[in-house]
N, C-alpha and C. Protein backbone atom coordinates (compact mmCIF):
# COMPACT_ATOMS: atom_id res chain seq x y z
N MET A 1 31.32 -87.22 51.99
CA MET A 1 32.61 -87.95 52.12
C MET A 1 32.42 -89.31 52.10
N ILE A 2 33.39 -90.06 51.41
CA ILE A 2 33.34 -91.41 51.47
C ILE A 2 34.53 -92.05 52.29
N GLU A 3 34.22 -92.86 53.22
CA GLU A 3 35.38 -93.29 54.05
C GLU A 3 35.91 -94.62 53.67
N ARG A 4 36.94 -94.93 54.34
CA ARG A 4 37.63 -96.10 53.86
C ARG A 4 36.70 -97.51 53.64
N SER A 5 35.93 -97.68 54.55
CA SER A 5 35.11 -99.01 54.51
C SER A 5 34.30 -98.90 53.21
N GLU A 6 33.88 -97.85 52.74
CA GLU A 6 33.11 -97.73 51.51
C GLU A 6 34.00 -97.78 50.27
N ILE A 7 35.18 -97.07 50.39
CA ILE A 7 36.29 -97.19 49.38
C ILE A 7 36.54 -98.71 49.09
N GLU A 8 36.52 -99.51 50.03
CA GLU A 8 36.91 -100.88 49.88
C GLU A 8 35.90 -101.71 49.21
N THR A 9 34.57 -101.15 49.11
CA THR A 9 33.53 -101.63 48.29
C THR A 9 33.82 -101.29 46.75
N MET A 10 34.51 -100.36 46.51
CA MET A 10 34.68 -99.66 45.17
C MET A 10 35.93 -100.19 44.43
N ILE A 11 37.03 -100.45 45.15
CA ILE A 11 38.22 -100.93 44.44
C ILE A 11 38.72 -102.07 45.33
N PRO A 12 39.51 -102.99 44.71
CA PRO A 12 39.98 -104.20 45.37
C PRO A 12 41.06 -104.13 46.36
N HIS A 13 41.82 -102.96 46.52
CA HIS A 13 43.03 -102.81 47.20
C HIS A 13 42.51 -102.74 48.76
N ARG A 14 43.55 -103.34 49.62
CA ARG A 14 43.36 -103.38 51.03
C ARG A 14 44.68 -103.10 51.61
N PRO A 15 44.59 -102.63 53.05
CA PRO A 15 45.93 -102.25 53.55
C PRO A 15 46.75 -103.65 53.63
N PRO A 16 48.02 -103.34 53.40
CA PRO A 16 48.80 -102.19 53.51
C PRO A 16 48.89 -101.48 52.13
N PHE A 17 48.24 -101.99 51.11
CA PHE A 17 48.31 -101.30 49.84
C PHE A 17 47.14 -100.46 49.35
N LEU A 18 46.28 -100.02 50.29
CA LEU A 18 45.24 -99.20 50.01
C LEU A 18 45.85 -97.77 50.22
N TRP A 19 46.01 -96.89 49.17
CA TRP A 19 46.69 -95.62 49.27
C TRP A 19 45.86 -94.44 49.23
N ILE A 20 44.47 -94.74 49.59
CA ILE A 20 43.58 -93.52 49.76
C ILE A 20 42.82 -93.79 51.04
N ASP A 21 42.73 -92.71 52.01
CA ASP A 21 41.97 -92.83 53.26
C ASP A 21 40.52 -92.55 53.12
N ARG A 22 40.33 -91.45 52.32
CA ARG A 22 38.92 -91.09 52.18
C ARG A 22 38.65 -90.41 51.05
N VAL A 23 37.40 -90.17 50.50
CA VAL A 23 37.23 -89.39 49.24
C VAL A 23 36.41 -88.20 49.72
N GLU A 24 36.98 -86.96 49.25
CA GLU A 24 36.20 -85.69 49.75
C GLU A 24 35.30 -85.23 48.59
N GLU A 25 35.58 -85.51 47.35
CA GLU A 25 34.65 -85.00 46.24
C GLU A 25 34.63 -86.04 45.32
N LEU A 26 33.48 -86.37 44.61
CA LEU A 26 33.23 -87.46 43.63
C LEU A 26 32.33 -86.95 42.65
N GLU A 27 32.58 -86.94 41.38
CA GLU A 27 31.67 -86.78 40.30
C GLU A 27 31.99 -88.21 39.54
N PRO A 28 31.11 -89.14 39.75
CA PRO A 28 31.41 -90.51 39.00
C PRO A 28 31.73 -90.39 37.66
N GLY A 29 32.85 -90.89 37.20
CA GLY A 29 33.25 -90.99 35.86
C GLY A 29 33.90 -89.70 35.31
N VAL A 30 33.88 -88.64 36.19
CA VAL A 30 34.28 -87.33 35.76
C VAL A 30 35.63 -86.91 36.57
N ARG A 31 35.48 -86.84 37.91
CA ARG A 31 36.63 -86.34 38.70
C ARG A 31 36.43 -86.90 40.08
N CYS A 32 37.49 -86.80 40.83
CA CYS A 32 37.58 -87.36 42.20
C CYS A 32 38.65 -86.75 43.03
N VAL A 33 38.55 -86.40 44.29
CA VAL A 33 39.55 -85.92 45.13
C VAL A 33 39.58 -86.81 46.36
N ALA A 34 40.84 -87.31 46.67
CA ALA A 34 40.99 -88.20 47.74
C ALA A 34 42.09 -87.82 48.69
N VAL A 35 42.12 -88.25 49.80
CA VAL A 35 43.22 -87.90 50.81
C VAL A 35 43.81 -89.18 51.35
N LYS A 36 45.21 -89.02 51.55
CA LYS A 36 45.97 -90.18 52.14
C LYS A 36 46.91 -89.54 53.21
N PHE A 37 46.87 -89.89 54.37
CA PHE A 37 47.94 -89.60 55.40
C PHE A 37 49.10 -90.48 55.15
N VAL A 38 50.31 -89.82 55.17
CA VAL A 38 51.44 -90.75 55.01
C VAL A 38 52.07 -91.03 56.29
N ASP A 39 51.69 -92.11 56.85
CA ASP A 39 52.01 -92.68 58.16
C ASP A 39 53.51 -92.92 58.49
N PRO A 40 54.04 -92.12 59.42
CA PRO A 40 55.45 -92.41 59.75
C PRO A 40 55.84 -93.73 60.04
N ALA A 41 54.86 -94.51 60.55
CA ALA A 41 55.10 -95.90 61.13
C ALA A 41 55.02 -96.93 59.89
N ASP A 42 54.75 -96.49 58.77
CA ASP A 42 54.66 -97.42 57.59
C ASP A 42 56.11 -98.02 57.34
N PRO A 43 56.22 -99.34 57.25
CA PRO A 43 57.44 -100.06 57.14
C PRO A 43 58.30 -99.60 55.93
N ILE A 44 57.74 -99.11 54.85
CA ILE A 44 58.48 -98.60 53.62
C ILE A 44 59.58 -97.74 54.13
N PHE A 45 59.33 -96.82 55.16
CA PHE A 45 60.45 -95.80 55.51
C PHE A 45 61.60 -96.54 56.15
N ALA A 46 61.54 -97.70 56.61
CA ALA A 46 62.74 -98.34 57.15
C ALA A 46 63.84 -98.58 56.06
N GLY A 47 63.36 -98.52 54.80
CA GLY A 47 64.34 -98.83 53.75
C GLY A 47 64.41 -97.83 52.65
N HIS A 48 63.52 -96.77 52.78
CA HIS A 48 63.55 -95.71 51.67
C HIS A 48 63.33 -94.43 52.45
N PHE A 49 64.09 -93.72 52.83
CA PHE A 49 65.63 -94.12 52.99
C PHE A 49 65.72 -94.00 54.61
N PRO A 50 66.48 -94.82 55.29
CA PRO A 50 66.48 -94.81 56.67
C PRO A 50 66.99 -93.47 57.38
N ALA A 51 67.97 -92.85 56.67
CA ALA A 51 68.45 -91.57 57.19
C ALA A 51 67.55 -90.33 56.86
N LYS A 52 66.82 -90.40 55.74
CA LYS A 52 65.98 -89.33 55.19
C LYS A 52 64.85 -90.06 54.46
N PRO A 53 63.68 -90.48 55.41
CA PRO A 53 62.63 -91.04 54.70
C PRO A 53 61.86 -90.37 53.64
N ILE A 54 61.59 -90.93 52.67
CA ILE A 54 60.94 -90.32 51.51
C ILE A 54 60.00 -91.41 50.96
N LEU A 55 58.77 -90.88 50.58
CA LEU A 55 57.88 -91.86 49.97
C LEU A 55 58.05 -92.15 48.57
N PRO A 56 58.22 -93.42 48.16
CA PRO A 56 58.59 -93.60 46.76
C PRO A 56 57.57 -93.16 45.72
N GLY A 57 58.06 -92.52 44.65
CA GLY A 57 57.13 -91.89 43.65
C GLY A 57 56.22 -92.88 43.12
N VAL A 58 56.63 -94.25 43.01
CA VAL A 58 55.65 -95.05 42.49
C VAL A 58 54.41 -95.25 43.33
N LEU A 59 54.41 -95.01 44.63
CA LEU A 59 53.32 -95.14 45.45
C LEU A 59 52.42 -93.71 45.24
N LEU A 60 52.98 -92.74 44.87
CA LEU A 60 52.27 -91.54 44.50
C LEU A 60 51.32 -91.94 43.18
N ILE A 61 51.92 -92.55 42.30
CA ILE A 61 51.27 -92.98 41.15
C ILE A 61 50.17 -93.94 41.40
N GLU A 62 50.51 -94.81 42.38
CA GLU A 62 49.41 -95.84 42.89
C GLU A 62 48.32 -95.10 43.53
N ALA A 63 48.53 -94.10 44.31
CA ALA A 63 47.46 -93.34 44.91
C ALA A 63 46.72 -92.76 43.80
N VAL A 64 47.24 -92.18 42.78
CA VAL A 64 46.40 -91.44 41.72
C VAL A 64 45.62 -92.61 40.96
N ALA A 65 46.13 -93.74 40.81
CA ALA A 65 45.51 -94.94 40.11
C ALA A 65 44.29 -95.24 40.90
N GLN A 66 44.54 -95.48 42.16
CA GLN A 66 43.35 -95.90 43.08
C GLN A 66 42.29 -94.75 43.12
N THR A 67 42.63 -93.54 43.08
CA THR A 67 41.70 -92.52 43.09
C THR A 67 40.95 -92.51 41.78
N ALA A 68 41.63 -92.70 40.70
CA ALA A 68 40.89 -92.94 39.32
C ALA A 68 40.03 -94.12 39.37
N GLY A 69 40.46 -95.14 39.97
CA GLY A 69 39.50 -96.30 40.15
C GLY A 69 38.22 -95.94 40.77
N VAL A 70 38.32 -95.19 41.99
CA VAL A 70 37.13 -94.79 42.54
C VAL A 70 36.16 -93.94 41.61
N MET A 71 36.89 -92.92 40.93
CA MET A 71 36.24 -92.10 40.04
C MET A 71 35.46 -92.76 38.90
N LEU A 72 36.08 -93.71 38.35
CA LEU A 72 35.44 -94.43 37.22
C LEU A 72 34.43 -95.50 37.71
N GLY A 73 34.33 -95.62 39.12
CA GLY A 73 33.18 -96.57 39.49
C GLY A 73 33.76 -97.95 39.44
N SER A 74 35.05 -98.21 39.35
CA SER A 74 35.43 -99.63 39.15
C SER A 74 35.26 -100.30 40.57
N VAL A 75 35.01 -101.53 40.54
CA VAL A 75 34.77 -102.43 41.79
C VAL A 75 35.32 -103.63 41.58
N ALA A 76 35.70 -104.36 42.68
CA ALA A 76 36.10 -105.75 42.62
C ALA A 76 34.92 -106.59 42.36
N PRO A 77 35.16 -107.70 41.57
CA PRO A 77 34.03 -108.69 41.42
C PRO A 77 33.36 -109.00 42.68
N GLN A 78 32.01 -109.05 42.63
CA GLN A 78 31.11 -109.26 43.70
C GLN A 78 31.21 -108.35 44.82
N ALA A 79 31.63 -107.13 44.63
CA ALA A 79 31.67 -106.09 45.57
C ALA A 79 30.36 -105.59 46.02
N THR A 80 30.23 -105.27 47.36
CA THR A 80 28.96 -104.84 47.70
C THR A 80 29.08 -103.42 48.49
N THR A 81 28.03 -102.81 48.67
CA THR A 81 28.16 -101.49 49.42
C THR A 81 28.02 -101.93 50.94
N SER A 82 28.23 -100.91 51.85
CA SER A 82 28.00 -101.28 53.33
C SER A 82 26.60 -101.78 53.56
N ALA A 83 25.59 -101.41 52.60
CA ALA A 83 24.29 -101.69 52.89
C ALA A 83 24.01 -103.12 52.29
N GLY A 84 25.01 -103.70 51.59
CA GLY A 84 24.85 -105.14 51.08
C GLY A 84 24.50 -105.25 49.67
N GLU A 85 24.26 -103.98 48.88
CA GLU A 85 23.89 -103.96 47.60
C GLU A 85 25.07 -104.38 46.64
N ASN A 86 24.74 -105.10 45.66
CA ASN A 86 25.92 -105.42 44.61
C ASN A 86 25.98 -104.02 43.82
N VAL A 87 27.39 -103.67 43.62
CA VAL A 87 27.60 -102.48 43.04
C VAL A 87 28.14 -102.65 41.56
N GLY A 88 28.43 -103.88 41.05
CA GLY A 88 28.97 -104.19 39.72
C GLY A 88 30.16 -105.05 39.79
N GLU A 89 30.69 -105.29 38.69
CA GLU A 89 31.76 -106.24 38.50
C GLU A 89 32.96 -105.67 37.71
N LYS A 90 33.04 -104.39 37.33
CA LYS A 90 34.04 -103.75 36.49
C LYS A 90 35.21 -103.59 37.48
N LEU A 91 36.44 -103.75 36.77
CA LEU A 91 37.78 -103.52 37.43
C LEU A 91 38.47 -102.68 36.51
N ALA A 92 39.16 -101.50 37.06
CA ALA A 92 40.09 -100.75 36.17
C ALA A 92 41.55 -101.12 36.58
N LEU A 93 42.21 -101.43 35.56
CA LEU A 93 43.63 -101.75 35.57
C LEU A 93 44.58 -100.66 35.03
N LEU A 94 45.56 -100.40 35.65
CA LEU A 94 46.66 -99.49 35.23
C LEU A 94 47.17 -100.10 33.82
N ALA A 95 47.22 -99.18 32.76
CA ALA A 95 47.71 -99.73 31.45
C ALA A 95 49.06 -98.81 31.16
N ALA A 96 49.05 -97.66 31.47
CA ALA A 96 50.25 -96.90 31.19
C ALA A 96 50.37 -95.75 32.10
N VAL A 97 51.65 -95.38 32.39
CA VAL A 97 51.98 -94.13 33.01
C VAL A 97 52.58 -93.23 32.07
N ASN A 98 51.96 -92.14 31.99
CA ASN A 98 52.33 -91.07 30.87
C ASN A 98 52.82 -89.76 31.44
N ARG A 99 53.93 -89.10 31.21
CA ARG A 99 54.39 -87.96 31.40
C ARG A 99 54.28 -87.62 33.05
N PHE A 100 54.48 -88.50 33.90
CA PHE A 100 54.45 -88.33 35.27
C PHE A 100 55.66 -87.59 35.78
N LYS A 101 55.53 -86.46 36.59
CA LYS A 101 56.73 -85.69 36.98
C LYS A 101 56.55 -85.70 38.51
N PHE A 102 57.74 -85.53 39.21
CA PHE A 102 57.74 -85.45 40.68
C PHE A 102 58.49 -84.08 40.91
N PHE A 103 57.87 -83.22 41.61
CA PHE A 103 58.28 -81.83 41.99
C PHE A 103 58.94 -81.69 43.20
N LYS A 104 58.47 -82.38 44.38
CA LYS A 104 58.99 -82.18 45.59
C LYS A 104 58.74 -83.71 46.38
N PRO A 105 59.74 -83.86 47.22
CA PRO A 105 59.56 -85.26 47.98
C PRO A 105 58.53 -85.12 49.08
N VAL A 106 57.95 -86.40 49.18
CA VAL A 106 56.93 -86.45 50.16
C VAL A 106 57.47 -87.29 51.37
N THR A 107 57.32 -86.77 52.64
CA THR A 107 57.93 -87.24 53.66
C THR A 107 56.76 -87.83 54.75
N PRO A 108 57.23 -88.63 55.65
CA PRO A 108 56.37 -89.20 56.74
C PRO A 108 55.58 -87.98 57.47
N GLY A 109 54.35 -88.15 57.74
CA GLY A 109 53.52 -87.26 58.47
C GLY A 109 52.80 -86.31 57.55
N GLN A 110 53.07 -86.25 56.27
CA GLN A 110 52.30 -85.33 55.41
C GLN A 110 51.02 -85.93 55.02
N GLU A 111 50.19 -85.11 54.48
CA GLU A 111 48.79 -85.52 53.95
C GLU A 111 48.81 -85.18 52.43
N LEU A 112 48.48 -86.23 51.72
CA LEU A 112 48.35 -86.01 50.29
C LEU A 112 46.77 -85.73 49.87
N ARG A 113 46.65 -84.70 49.07
CA ARG A 113 45.38 -84.52 48.43
C ARG A 113 45.51 -85.04 47.06
N ILE A 114 44.85 -85.82 46.59
CA ILE A 114 44.99 -86.61 45.18
C ILE A 114 43.70 -86.20 44.38
N GLU A 115 44.15 -85.50 43.23
CA GLU A 115 42.98 -85.12 42.40
C GLU A 115 43.05 -85.76 41.08
N THR A 116 42.04 -86.35 40.51
CA THR A 116 41.95 -87.03 39.27
C THR A 116 40.76 -86.52 38.33
N LYS A 117 40.98 -86.54 37.18
CA LYS A 117 39.93 -86.08 36.20
C LYS A 117 40.14 -86.95 34.89
N LYS A 118 39.05 -87.43 34.35
CA LYS A 118 39.06 -88.12 33.15
C LYS A 118 39.14 -87.22 31.93
N LEU A 119 40.16 -87.44 31.17
CA LEU A 119 40.35 -86.49 30.02
C LEU A 119 39.43 -87.09 28.88
N THR A 120 39.74 -88.41 28.46
CA THR A 120 39.11 -89.01 27.32
C THR A 120 38.82 -90.48 27.55
N ASP A 121 37.85 -91.05 26.93
CA ASP A 121 37.83 -92.46 26.86
C ASP A 121 37.49 -92.92 25.64
N ALA A 122 38.07 -94.22 25.26
CA ALA A 122 37.71 -94.86 23.99
C ALA A 122 37.43 -96.42 24.36
N GLY A 123 36.16 -96.63 24.40
CA GLY A 123 35.80 -98.02 24.79
C GLY A 123 36.19 -98.40 26.12
N LYS A 124 37.04 -99.35 26.32
CA LYS A 124 37.49 -99.76 27.64
C LYS A 124 38.75 -98.97 28.14
N MET A 125 39.20 -98.08 27.40
CA MET A 125 40.47 -97.33 27.72
C MET A 125 40.05 -95.95 28.08
N ALA A 126 40.64 -95.39 29.29
CA ALA A 126 40.37 -94.04 29.61
C ALA A 126 41.78 -93.27 29.97
N LEU A 127 41.80 -92.14 29.58
CA LEU A 127 43.10 -91.23 29.86
C LEU A 127 42.74 -90.41 31.10
N ILE A 128 43.47 -90.53 32.09
CA ILE A 128 43.23 -89.84 33.46
C ILE A 128 44.41 -88.94 33.58
N THR A 129 44.13 -87.68 34.08
CA THR A 129 45.19 -86.69 34.66
C THR A 129 45.02 -86.75 36.11
N GLY A 130 46.12 -86.73 36.78
CA GLY A 130 46.29 -86.85 38.27
C GLY A 130 47.28 -85.74 38.74
N THR A 131 46.92 -85.01 39.95
CA THR A 131 47.90 -84.28 40.54
C THR A 131 47.79 -84.58 42.07
N VAL A 132 48.96 -84.62 42.67
CA VAL A 132 49.01 -84.75 44.07
C VAL A 132 49.56 -83.54 44.65
N TYR A 133 48.99 -83.10 45.77
CA TYR A 133 49.21 -81.93 46.51
C TYR A 133 49.66 -82.15 47.87
N VAL A 134 50.45 -81.40 48.58
CA VAL A 134 50.76 -81.45 49.93
C VAL A 134 50.83 -80.02 50.36
N ASP A 135 50.07 -79.65 51.33
CA ASP A 135 49.78 -78.30 51.74
C ASP A 135 49.59 -77.26 50.65
N GLY A 136 48.73 -77.64 49.66
CA GLY A 136 48.50 -76.78 48.64
C GLY A 136 49.49 -76.69 47.40
N GLU A 137 50.68 -77.30 47.71
CA GLU A 137 51.68 -77.32 46.53
C GLU A 137 51.70 -78.57 45.87
N ILE A 138 51.87 -78.55 44.53
CA ILE A 138 51.90 -79.82 43.64
C ILE A 138 53.18 -80.44 43.90
N VAL A 139 53.19 -81.80 44.33
CA VAL A 139 54.32 -82.58 44.47
C VAL A 139 54.52 -83.64 43.39
N ALA A 140 53.38 -83.86 42.63
CA ALA A 140 53.55 -84.84 41.57
C ALA A 140 52.41 -84.68 40.71
N SER A 141 52.50 -84.87 39.28
CA SER A 141 51.41 -84.78 38.35
C SER A 141 51.76 -85.63 37.13
N GLY A 142 50.75 -86.07 36.41
CA GLY A 142 50.92 -86.72 35.14
C GLY A 142 49.66 -87.47 34.66
N GLU A 143 49.78 -88.17 33.65
CA GLU A 143 48.54 -88.93 33.14
C GLU A 143 48.69 -90.39 33.31
N LEU A 144 47.59 -91.11 33.33
CA LEU A 144 47.47 -92.50 33.52
C LEU A 144 46.59 -92.93 32.40
N SER A 145 46.81 -94.15 31.86
CA SER A 145 45.87 -94.86 31.06
C SER A 145 45.38 -96.03 31.71
N VAL A 146 44.08 -96.13 31.80
CA VAL A 146 43.39 -97.28 32.60
C VAL A 146 42.51 -97.95 31.53
N VAL A 147 42.47 -99.27 31.86
CA VAL A 147 41.62 -100.08 30.99
C VAL A 147 40.62 -100.86 31.98
N SER A 148 39.43 -101.00 31.50
CA SER A 148 38.35 -101.72 32.18
C SER A 148 38.67 -103.16 31.81
N ALA A 149 38.51 -104.02 32.81
CA ALA A 149 38.68 -105.49 32.70
C ALA A 149 37.30 -106.15 33.03
């Protein structure tokens, strides 16, 4: 299992915009499974929507993109492991959102299970499939195109 401190050595995101808490499974460059607890105290819920809080779908896409970033081994420039070792200088950037669908709303207090798998790659571009589950049910799925910078 990879905890948040190690995730922060692999992708450049930081709270409040780090949308994965831990990685439970990782096959570098092939697939990844991450988890995110949807905190009821997150300020996003004050405005989306006050009477019926729902996590915006764009944040589900972001969670998939960040999980894909870990899967592809992308790291921020000059990132290091907790042991102080340089792990590289690649950075994966979201290039396109393809055929993403939302099946059920995500509400505060739920835990997301985010699964990504690389479908293809062509040079610096990779096509990723991502599925988000809550309690074993699919809440969102689709494909992302990611480019290495």
